[in-house]
Amino acid sequence: MAKGPRTGKKRTGKHGWSVTSQGSFTKPSFVVHNKKKPGLTHLLENGHALRQGGRARAIPHIKPVEEQCIKEYEELNPSKNSV
């Protein structure tokens, strides 16, 4: 599967992000999470209230890549799509 578009900053590994593989060789599955701040992805993706009032803007960086991966998967596995 091709990599999604880079929507974040340069990856340095110091912010707690990690990838865990799950599933099997025939059905791979990956989970990306942040060990240091697990709620961070939700706050970034959807925006949040600020302490001084107002709202932080949403930065949709997960949804576009998810949609692209689903599209690529469906193109590569057409027989599995018809249920």
N, C-alpha and C. Protein backbone atom coordinates (compact mmCIF):
# COMPACT_ATOMS: atom_id res chain seq x y z
N MET A 1 0.84 -1.17 0.00
CA MET A 1 0.00 0.00 0.00
C MET A 1 0.89 1.24 0.00
N ALA A 2 0.53 2.22 -0.77
CA ALA A 2 1.32 3.43 -0.84
C ALA A 2 1.13 4.25 0.43
N LYS A 3 2.15 5.01 0.75
CA LYS A 3 2.06 5.88 1.92
C LYS A 3 1.13 7.03 1.62
N GLY A 4 0.43 7.50 2.64
CA GLY A 4 -0.47 8.62 2.49
C GLY A 4 0.31 9.92 2.39
N PRO A 5 -0.38 10.99 2.08
CA PRO A 5 0.29 12.27 1.97
C PRO A 5 0.79 12.72 3.34
N ARG A 6 1.96 13.33 3.38
CA ARG A 6 2.51 13.82 4.63
C ARG A 6 1.73 15.07 5.01
N THR A 7 1.03 15.02 6.13
CA THR A 7 0.25 16.17 6.56
C THR A 7 0.78 16.76 7.85
N GLY A 8 1.77 16.15 8.47
CA GLY A 8 2.29 16.65 9.73
C GLY A 8 3.69 17.19 9.57
N LYS A 9 4.30 17.50 10.71
CA LYS A 9 5.66 18.00 10.71
C LYS A 9 6.64 16.85 10.61
N LYS A 10 7.92 17.17 10.55
CA LYS A 10 8.97 16.16 10.45
C LYS A 10 8.90 15.24 11.66
N ARG A 11 9.02 13.94 11.42
CA ARG A 11 8.92 12.95 12.48
C ARG A 11 10.26 12.80 13.20
N THR A 12 10.27 13.08 14.49
CA THR A 12 11.49 12.96 15.26
C THR A 12 11.41 11.84 16.29
N GLY A 13 10.20 11.36 16.60
CA GLY A 13 10.04 10.26 17.54
C GLY A 13 10.03 10.69 19.00
N LYS A 14 10.11 11.96 19.29
CA LYS A 14 10.19 12.40 20.68
C LYS A 14 8.84 12.75 21.29
N HIS A 15 7.76 12.63 20.56
CA HIS A 15 6.45 13.03 21.07
C HIS A 15 5.58 11.86 21.49
N GLY A 16 6.08 10.65 21.46
CA GLY A 16 5.34 9.50 21.96
C GLY A 16 4.55 8.72 20.93
N TRP A 17 4.63 9.08 19.65
CA TRP A 17 3.89 8.38 18.62
C TRP A 17 4.52 7.02 18.36
N SER A 18 3.68 6.00 18.19
CA SER A 18 4.19 4.68 17.84
C SER A 18 3.15 3.95 17.01
N VAL A 19 3.61 2.93 16.30
CA VAL A 19 2.75 2.12 15.45
C VAL A 19 2.83 0.68 15.95
N THR A 20 1.68 0.06 16.13
CA THR A 20 1.61 -1.33 16.57
C THR A 20 0.95 -2.13 15.46
N SER A 21 1.57 -3.24 15.08
CA SER A 21 0.95 -4.09 14.07
C SER A 21 0.12 -5.15 14.77
N GLN A 22 -1.04 -5.38 14.21
CA GLN A 22 -1.96 -6.39 14.73
C GLN A 22 -2.44 -7.22 13.56
N GLY A 23 -3.11 -8.31 13.84
CA GLY A 23 -3.61 -9.14 12.76
C GLY A 23 -2.57 -10.13 12.31
N SER A 24 -2.75 -10.66 11.11
CA SER A 24 -1.85 -11.68 10.58
C SER A 24 -1.22 -11.20 9.28
N PHE A 25 -0.43 -12.07 8.68
CA PHE A 25 0.23 -11.73 7.42
C PHE A 25 -0.80 -11.50 6.31
N THR A 26 -1.86 -12.30 6.30
CA THR A 26 -2.87 -12.17 5.26
C THR A 26 -3.85 -11.04 5.53
N LYS A 27 -4.03 -10.66 6.79
CA LYS A 27 -4.93 -9.56 7.15
C LYS A 27 -4.19 -8.60 8.08
N PRO A 28 -3.27 -7.81 7.52
CA PRO A 28 -2.52 -6.89 8.38
C PRO A 28 -3.39 -5.75 8.89
N SER A 29 -3.07 -5.30 10.06
CA SER A 29 -3.78 -4.19 10.67
C SER A 29 -2.77 -3.40 11.49
N PHE A 30 -2.84 -2.10 11.43
CA PHE A 30 -1.91 -1.26 12.17
C PHE A 30 -2.66 -0.23 12.98
N VAL A 31 -2.16 0.05 14.17
CA VAL A 31 -2.76 1.05 15.03
C VAL A 31 -1.68 2.09 15.35
N VAL A 32 -1.99 3.35 15.10
CA VAL A 32 -1.08 4.44 15.42
C VAL A 32 -1.63 5.11 16.67
N HIS A 33 -0.78 5.26 17.67
CA HIS A 33 -1.25 5.88 18.90
C HIS A 33 -0.12 6.69 19.54
N ASN A 34 -0.51 7.51 20.50
CA ASN A 34 0.44 8.35 21.22
C ASN A 34 0.43 7.91 22.67
N LYS A 35 1.55 7.35 23.12
CA LYS A 35 1.64 6.84 24.49
C LYS A 35 1.68 7.96 25.51
N LYS A 36 2.27 9.09 25.16
CA LYS A 36 2.40 10.20 26.12
C LYS A 36 1.10 10.98 26.28
N LYS A 37 0.39 11.20 25.17
CA LYS A 37 -0.85 11.99 25.20
C LYS A 37 -1.88 11.30 24.32
N PRO A 38 -2.55 10.26 24.83
CA PRO A 38 -3.46 9.47 23.99
C PRO A 38 -4.65 10.24 23.43
N GLY A 39 -5.11 11.30 24.06
CA GLY A 39 -6.25 12.06 23.55
C GLY A 39 -5.88 13.11 22.54
N LEU A 40 -4.59 13.25 22.26
CA LEU A 40 -4.12 14.31 21.38
C LEU A 40 -4.67 14.19 19.96
N THR A 41 -4.74 12.99 19.43
CA THR A 41 -5.21 12.82 18.04
C THR A 41 -6.64 13.32 17.90
N HIS A 42 -7.49 13.01 18.86
CA HIS A 42 -8.89 13.46 18.81
C HIS A 42 -8.96 14.98 18.87
N LEU A 43 -8.18 15.59 19.75
CA LEU A 43 -8.20 17.04 19.88
C LEU A 43 -7.70 17.73 18.61
N LEU A 44 -6.65 17.19 18.02
CA LEU A 44 -6.12 17.78 16.79
C LEU A 44 -7.08 17.60 15.63
N GLU A 45 -7.65 16.43 15.51
CA GLU A 45 -8.53 16.12 14.38
C GLU A 45 -9.82 16.92 14.42
N ASN A 46 -10.38 17.14 15.62
CA ASN A 46 -11.70 17.76 15.75
C ASN A 46 -11.71 19.17 16.32
N GLY A 47 -10.57 19.67 16.78
CA GLY A 47 -10.54 20.97 17.43
C GLY A 47 -10.97 20.84 18.88
N HIS A 48 -10.77 21.88 19.66
CA HIS A 48 -11.13 21.82 21.09
C HIS A 48 -11.24 23.22 21.66
N ALA A 49 -11.87 23.31 22.84
CA ALA A 49 -12.01 24.59 23.53
C ALA A 49 -10.67 24.99 24.13
N LEU A 50 -10.40 26.27 24.15
CA LEU A 50 -9.17 26.79 24.73
C LEU A 50 -9.44 27.31 26.14
N ARG A 51 -8.43 27.30 26.99
CA ARG A 51 -8.59 27.78 28.36
C ARG A 51 -8.97 29.25 28.42
N GLN A 52 -8.41 30.06 27.54
CA GLN A 52 -8.70 31.50 27.56
C GLN A 52 -9.96 31.85 26.76
N GLY A 53 -10.72 30.85 26.36
CA GLY A 53 -11.93 31.07 25.58
C GLY A 53 -11.66 30.86 24.10
N GLY A 54 -12.70 30.63 23.38
CA GLY A 54 -12.56 30.38 21.95
C GLY A 54 -12.28 28.91 21.68
N ARG A 55 -11.98 28.62 20.45
CA ARG A 55 -11.71 27.24 20.05
C ARG A 55 -10.45 27.16 19.21
N ALA A 56 -9.76 26.05 19.36
CA ALA A 56 -8.61 25.76 18.49
C ALA A 56 -9.16 25.15 17.21
N ARG A 57 -8.58 25.51 16.08
CA ARG A 57 -9.09 24.99 14.81
C ARG A 57 -8.76 23.51 14.68
N ALA A 58 -9.60 22.82 13.98
CA ALA A 58 -9.38 21.39 13.71
C ALA A 58 -8.32 21.25 12.63
N ILE A 59 -7.48 20.23 12.77
CA ILE A 59 -6.46 19.92 11.78
C ILE A 59 -6.71 18.48 11.33
N PRO A 60 -7.59 18.29 10.34
CA PRO A 60 -7.91 16.93 9.91
C PRO A 60 -6.73 16.27 9.20
N HIS A 61 -6.00 15.46 9.90
CA HIS A 61 -4.82 14.81 9.35
C HIS A 61 -4.95 13.29 9.31
N ILE A 62 -5.91 12.73 10.02
CA ILE A 62 -6.10 11.28 10.04
C ILE A 62 -7.14 10.87 9.01
N LYS A 63 -8.25 11.56 8.96
CA LYS A 63 -9.37 11.21 8.08
C LYS A 63 -8.98 11.14 6.61
N PRO A 64 -8.23 12.12 6.06
CA PRO A 64 -7.87 12.05 4.64
C PRO A 64 -7.03 10.81 4.31
N VAL A 65 -6.11 10.47 5.19
CA VAL A 65 -5.25 9.30 4.95
C VAL A 65 -6.06 8.01 5.09
N GLU A 66 -6.98 7.99 6.07
CA GLU A 66 -7.85 6.83 6.25
C GLU A 66 -8.68 6.59 4.99
N GLU A 67 -9.27 7.65 4.45
CA GLU A 67 -10.10 7.53 3.24
C GLU A 67 -9.27 7.05 2.06
N GLN A 68 -8.04 7.55 1.94
CA GLN A 68 -7.17 7.13 0.85
C GLN A 68 -6.81 5.65 0.99
N CYS A 69 -6.52 5.20 2.19
CA CYS A 69 -6.17 3.79 2.41
C CYS A 69 -7.36 2.88 2.12
N ILE A 70 -8.55 3.29 2.51
CA ILE A 70 -9.74 2.50 2.23
C ILE A 70 -9.95 2.38 0.72
N LYS A 71 -9.78 3.51 0.01
CA LYS A 71 -9.95 3.51 -1.44
C LYS A 71 -8.94 2.57 -2.10
N GLU A 72 -7.67 2.64 -1.68
CA GLU A 72 -6.64 1.77 -2.24
C GLU A 72 -6.93 0.31 -1.93
N TYR A 73 -7.38 0.02 -0.73
CA TYR A 73 -7.70 -1.35 -0.35
C TYR A 73 -8.83 -1.90 -1.22
N GLU A 74 -9.86 -1.08 -1.43
CA GLU A 74 -11.00 -1.52 -2.24
C GLU A 74 -10.58 -1.74 -3.70
N GLU A 75 -9.64 -0.93 -4.20
CA GLU A 75 -9.17 -1.11 -5.56
C GLU A 75 -8.34 -2.39 -5.70
N LEU A 76 -7.57 -2.72 -4.67
CA LEU A 76 -6.72 -3.91 -4.71
C LEU A 76 -7.49 -5.19 -4.41
N ASN A 77 -8.63 -5.09 -3.73
CA ASN A 77 -9.41 -6.26 -3.33
C ASN A 77 -10.86 -6.12 -3.75
N PRO A 78 -11.14 -6.10 -5.05
CA PRO A 78 -12.52 -5.86 -5.50
C PRO A 78 -13.50 -6.95 -5.09
N SER A 79 -13.06 -8.20 -4.99
CA SER A 79 -13.98 -9.27 -4.64
C SER A 79 -14.43 -9.21 -3.19
N LYS A 80 -13.65 -8.62 -2.31
CA LYS A 80 -14.00 -8.54 -0.90
C LYS A 80 -14.97 -7.42 -0.61
N ASN A 81 -15.20 -6.54 -1.58
CA ASN A 81 -16.09 -5.38 -1.37
C ASN A 81 -17.55 -5.74 -1.56
N SER A 82 -17.85 -6.68 -2.39
CA SER A 82 -19.25 -7.03 -2.66
C SER A 82 -19.76 -7.97 -1.59
N VAL A 83 -20.54 -7.44 -0.66
CA VAL A 83 -21.08 -8.25 0.44
C VAL A 83 -22.55 -8.42 0.27
